[in-house]
Amino acid sequence: MKGAGGGGSRRVSAVWDDNRYAAVQQRLKDLAATMDAISNSLLHSAKRMKQNGEEAASTADAIARADLDGVFVELTEETSSALATAHKAMKKTARSSQSLAVKAHQAQTLHQRMYQPLDQVRSGRRHRTPKPGFFSR
């Protein structure tokens, strides 16, 4: 499996090879919680970018009123514009991550509804039962 940096390969941890009901439930809960945290962080960053963009626009106006060289006004206005563009992109990314968080919560709930009863039956038996997918071979 390739690493996030696209560099060398890395082994998948044994935790991800564990397909028992409780392990899958925990991974889905962890994914949902992580996406919720990412969404909150992105929204906070978007808010800060908007504030910084507005402050840069205000600074550009102050520079213009102070009769400084136009190049400084232009650069500060470009900074304000770039921050406004970044703000919009950040909000779009935050909406996407919120959507993924909702889907992860839904997947966890669906998985629980579908497999919890089976897990309770399998866990309550004294004897081992076939692994999932055994009969489809």
C-alpha atoms as a PDB file:
ATOM      1  CA  MET A   1       0.000   0.000   0.000  1.00  0.00           C
ATOM      2  CA  LYS A   2       1.401   3.391  -0.981  1.00  0.00           C
ATOM      3  CA  GLY A   3       1.945   5.976   1.736  1.00  0.00           C
ATOM      4  CA  ALA A   4       0.144   9.317   1.644  1.00  0.00           C
ATOM      5  CA  GLY A   5       3.283  11.034   0.429  1.00  0.00           C
ATOM      6  CA  GLY A   6       3.459   8.780  -2.618  1.00  0.00           C
ATOM      7  CA  GLY A   7       6.892   7.568  -1.521  1.00  0.00           C
ATOM      8  CA  GLY A   8       7.671   4.023  -0.542  1.00  0.00           C
ATOM      9  CA  SER A   9       5.246   1.376   0.516  1.00  0.00           C
ATOM     10  CA  ARG A  10       4.106   0.668   4.041  1.00  0.00           C
ATOM     11  CA  ARG A  11       2.400  -2.266   5.670  1.00  0.00           C
ATOM     12  CA  VAL A  12      -1.229  -2.050   6.661  1.00  0.00           C
ATOM     13  CA  SER A  13      -1.476  -2.473  10.402  1.00  0.00           C
ATOM     14  CA  ALA A  14      -2.965  -5.640  11.795  1.00  0.00           C
ATOM     15  CA  VAL A  15      -5.847  -3.594  13.189  1.00  0.00           C
ATOM     16  CA  TRP A  16      -7.111  -2.973   9.632  1.00  0.00           C
ATOM     17  CA  ASP A  17      -6.926  -6.698   8.870  1.00  0.00           C
ATOM     18  CA  ASP A  18      -9.379  -7.345  11.713  1.00  0.00           C
ATOM     19  CA  ASN A  19     -12.850  -7.659  10.193  1.00  0.00           C
ATOM     20  CA  ARG A  20     -14.684  -8.660  13.350  1.00  0.00           C
ATOM     21  CA  TYR A  21     -17.868  -6.747  14.044  1.00  0.00           C
ATOM     22  CA  ALA A  22     -16.486  -4.710  16.959  1.00  0.00           C
ATOM     23  CA  ALA A  23     -13.317  -3.768  15.049  1.00  0.00           C
ATOM     24  CA  VAL A  24     -15.280  -2.558  12.021  1.00  0.00           C
ATOM     25  CA  GLN A  25     -17.635  -0.613  14.282  1.00  0.00           C
ATOM     26  CA  GLN A  26     -14.689   1.069  15.990  1.00  0.00           C
ATOM     27  CA  ARG A  27     -13.043   1.988  12.677  1.00  0.00           C
ATOM     28  CA  LEU A  28     -16.299   3.517  11.405  1.00  0.00           C
ATOM     29  CA  LYS A  29     -16.755   5.470  14.647  1.00  0.00           C
ATOM     30  CA  ASP A  30     -13.144   6.668  14.472  1.00  0.00           C
ATOM     31  CA  LEU A  31     -13.569   7.734  10.839  1.00  0.00           C
ATOM     32  CA  ALA A  32     -16.735   9.677  11.646  1.00  0.00           C
ATOM     33  CA  ALA A  33     -15.109  11.380  14.646  1.00  0.00           C
ATOM     34  CA  THR A  34     -12.020  12.264  12.615  1.00  0.00           C
ATOM     35  CA  MET A  35     -14.099  13.728   9.787  1.00  0.00           C
ATOM     36  CA  ASP A  36     -16.142  15.735  12.305  1.00  0.00           C
ATOM     37  CA  ALA A  37     -12.906  17.141  13.758  1.00  0.00           C
ATOM     38  CA  ILE A  38     -11.534  17.922  10.289  1.00  0.00           C
ATOM     39  CA  SER A  39     -14.775  19.697   9.355  1.00  0.00           C
ATOM     40  CA  ASN A  40     -14.608  21.840  12.473  1.00  0.00           C
ATOM     41  CA  SER A  41     -10.970  22.675  11.827  1.00  0.00           C
ATOM     42  CA  LEU A  42     -11.676  23.589   8.198  1.00  0.00           C
ATOM     43  CA  LEU A  43     -14.582  25.817   9.187  1.00  0.00           C
ATOM     44  CA  HIS A  44     -12.390  27.559  11.758  1.00  0.00           C
ATOM     45  CA  SER A  45      -9.658  28.063   9.145  1.00  0.00           C
ATOM     46  CA  ALA A  46     -12.192  29.382   6.629  1.00  0.00           C
ATOM     47  CA  LYS A  47     -13.445  31.886   9.190  1.00  0.00           C
ATOM     48  CA  ARG A  48      -9.883  33.063   9.889  1.00  0.00           C
ATOM     49  CA  MET A  49      -9.178  33.399   6.149  1.00  0.00           C
ATOM     50  CA  LYS A  50     -12.275  35.531   5.712  1.00  0.00           C
ATOM     51  CA  GLN A  51     -11.233  37.747   8.630  1.00  0.00           C
ATOM     52  CA  ASN A  52      -7.680  38.051   7.297  1.00  0.00           C
ATOM     53  CA  GLY A  53      -8.987  38.873   3.808  1.00  0.00           C
ATOM     54  CA  GLU A  54     -11.211  41.612   5.210  1.00  0.00           C
ATOM     55  CA  GLU A  55      -8.301  42.954   7.237  1.00  0.00           C
ATOM     56  CA  ALA A  56      -6.077  42.956   4.134  1.00  0.00           C
ATOM     57  CA  ALA A  57      -8.749  44.884   2.200  1.00  0.00           C
ATOM     58  CA  SER A  58      -8.945  47.403   5.032  1.00  0.00           C
ATOM     59  CA  THR A  59      -5.155  47.673   5.053  1.00  0.00           C
ATOM     60  CA  ALA A  60      -5.143  48.263   1.280  1.00  0.00           C
ATOM     61  CA  ASP A  61      -7.600  51.120   1.776  1.00  0.00           C
ATOM     62  CA  ALA A  62      -5.432  52.595   4.549  1.00  0.00           C
ATOM     63  CA  ILE A  63      -2.328  52.353   2.346  1.00  0.00           C
ATOM     64  CA  ALA A  64      -4.177  54.089  -0.495  1.00  0.00           C
ATOM     65  CA  ARG A  65      -5.356  56.874   1.847  1.00  0.00           C
ATOM     66  CA  ALA A  66      -1.798  57.300   3.128  1.00  0.00           C
ATOM     67  CA  ASP A  67      -0.783  57.974  -0.484  1.00  0.00           C
ATOM     68  CA  LEU A  68       1.846  55.228  -0.582  1.00  0.00           C
ATOM     69  CA  ASP A  69       3.107  53.811  -3.853  1.00  0.00           C
ATOM     70  CA  GLY A  70       0.321  52.076  -5.800  1.00  0.00           C
ATOM     71  CA  VAL A  71       2.295  48.847  -6.001  1.00  0.00           C
ATOM     72  CA  PHE A  72       1.761  48.303  -2.264  1.00  0.00           C
ATOM     73  CA  VAL A  73      -1.970  48.940  -2.568  1.00  0.00           C
ATOM     74  CA  GLU A  74      -2.159  46.508  -5.475  1.00  0.00           C
ATOM     75  CA  LEU A  75      -0.208  43.785  -3.669  1.00  0.00           C
ATOM     76  CA  THR A  76      -2.356  44.125  -0.547  1.00  0.00           C
ATOM     77  CA  GLU A  77      -5.552  44.000  -2.628  1.00  0.00           C
ATOM     78  CA  GLU A  78      -4.251  40.865  -4.378  1.00  0.00           C
ATOM     79  CA  THR A  79      -3.612  39.331  -0.980  1.00  0.00           C
ATOM     80  CA  SER A  80      -7.166  40.166   0.064  1.00  0.00           C
ATOM     81  CA  SER A  81      -8.522  38.636  -3.133  1.00  0.00           C
ATOM     82  CA  ALA A  82      -6.427  35.480  -2.725  1.00  0.00           C
ATOM     83  CA  LEU A  83      -7.658  35.060   0.840  1.00  0.00           C
ATOM     84  CA  ALA A  84     -11.274  35.468  -0.314  1.00  0.00           C
ATOM     85  CA  THR A  85     -10.729  32.767  -2.943  1.00  0.00           C
ATOM     86  CA  ALA A  86      -9.083  30.496  -0.367  1.00  0.00           C
ATOM     87  CA  HIS A  87     -11.999  31.130   2.012  1.00  0.00           C
ATOM     88  CA  LYS A  88     -14.496  29.930  -0.612  1.00  0.00           C
ATOM     89  CA  ALA A  89     -12.418  26.831  -1.382  1.00  0.00           C
ATOM     90  CA  MET A  90     -12.003  26.076   2.323  1.00  0.00           C
ATOM     91  CA  LYS A  91     -15.759  26.301   2.916  1.00  0.00           C
ATOM     92  CA  LYS A  92     -16.365  23.952  -0.026  1.00  0.00           C
ATOM     93  CA  THR A  93     -13.834  21.494   1.387  1.00  0.00           C
ATOM     94  CA  ALA A  94     -15.460  21.771   4.830  1.00  0.00           C
ATOM     95  CA  ARG A  95     -18.868  20.950   3.318  1.00  0.00           C
ATOM     96  CA  SER A  96     -17.359  17.899   1.621  1.00  0.00           C
ATOM     97  CA  SER A  97     -15.786  16.697   4.848  1.00  0.00           C
ATOM     98  CA  GLN A  98     -19.060  17.264   6.708  1.00  0.00           C
ATOM     99  CA  SER A  99     -20.815  15.173   4.071  1.00  0.00           C
ATOM    100  CA  LEU A 100     -18.254  12.401   4.512  1.00  0.00           C
ATOM    101  CA  ALA A 101     -18.684  12.557   8.297  1.00  0.00           C
ATOM    102  CA  VAL A 102     -22.464  12.143   7.906  1.00  0.00           C
ATOM    103  CA  LYS A 103     -21.927   9.205   5.551  1.00  0.00           C
ATOM    104  CA  ALA A 104     -19.502   7.579   8.005  1.00  0.00           C
ATOM    105  CA  HIS A 105     -22.063   7.940  10.818  1.00  0.00           C
ATOM    106  CA  GLN A 106     -24.723   6.428   8.535  1.00  0.00           C
ATOM    107  CA  ALA A 107     -22.430   3.545   7.538  1.00  0.00           C
ATOM    108  CA  GLN A 108     -21.670   2.806  11.180  1.00  0.00           C
ATOM    109  CA  THR A 109     -25.389   2.787  12.033  1.00  0.00           C
ATOM    110  CA  LEU A 110     -26.258   0.596   9.042  1.00  0.00           C
ATOM    111  CA  HIS A 111     -23.424  -1.817   9.810  1.00  0.00           C
ATOM    112  CA  GLN A 112     -24.597  -2.009  13.414  1.00  0.00           C
ATOM    113  CA  ARG A 113     -28.198  -2.667  12.398  1.00  0.00           C
ATOM    114  CA  MET A 114     -27.205  -5.354   9.911  1.00  0.00           C
ATOM    115  CA  TYR A 115     -24.464  -7.203  11.790  1.00  0.00           C
ATOM    116  CA  GLN A 116     -24.943  -6.664  15.526  1.00  0.00           C
ATOM    117  CA  PRO A 117     -27.584  -9.413  15.841  1.00  0.00           C
ATOM    118  CA  LEU A 118     -25.331 -11.853  13.965  1.00  0.00           C
ATOM    119  CA  ASP A 119     -22.383 -10.875  16.151  1.00  0.00           C
ATOM    120  CA  GLN A 120     -24.447 -11.486  19.284  1.00  0.00           C
ATOM    121  CA  VAL A 121     -25.407 -14.960  18.037  1.00  0.00           C
ATOM    122  CA  ARG A 122     -21.842 -15.828  17.051  1.00  0.00           C
ATOM    123  CA  SER A 123     -20.391 -14.441  20.291  1.00  0.00           C
ATOM    124  CA  GLY A 124     -22.868 -16.405  22.389  1.00  0.00           C
ATOM    125  CA  ARG A 125     -21.948 -19.797  20.930  1.00  0.00           C
ATOM    126  CA  ARG A 126     -19.542 -22.136  22.624  1.00  0.00           C
ATOM    127  CA  HIS A 127     -18.256 -23.537  19.331  1.00  0.00           C
ATOM    128  CA  ARG A 128     -16.452 -21.688  16.586  1.00  0.00           C
ATOM    129  CA  THR A 129     -18.431 -20.759  13.483  1.00  0.00           C
ATOM    130  CA  PRO A 130     -17.253 -20.237   9.909  1.00  0.00           C
ATOM    131  CA  LYS A 131     -15.734 -16.899   9.001  1.00  0.00           C
ATOM    132  CA  PRO A 132     -17.878 -14.503   6.958  1.00  0.00           C
ATOM    133  CA  GLY A 133     -17.672 -15.368   3.269  1.00  0.00           C
ATOM    134  CA  PHE A 134     -16.868 -19.045   3.915  1.00  0.00           C
ATOM    135  CA  PHE A 135     -19.927 -20.319   2.069  1.00  0.00           C
ATOM    136  CA  SER A 136     -19.501 -18.049  -0.968  1.00  0.00           C
ATOM    137  CA  ARG A 137     -16.284 -19.759  -2.107  1.00  0.00           C
END
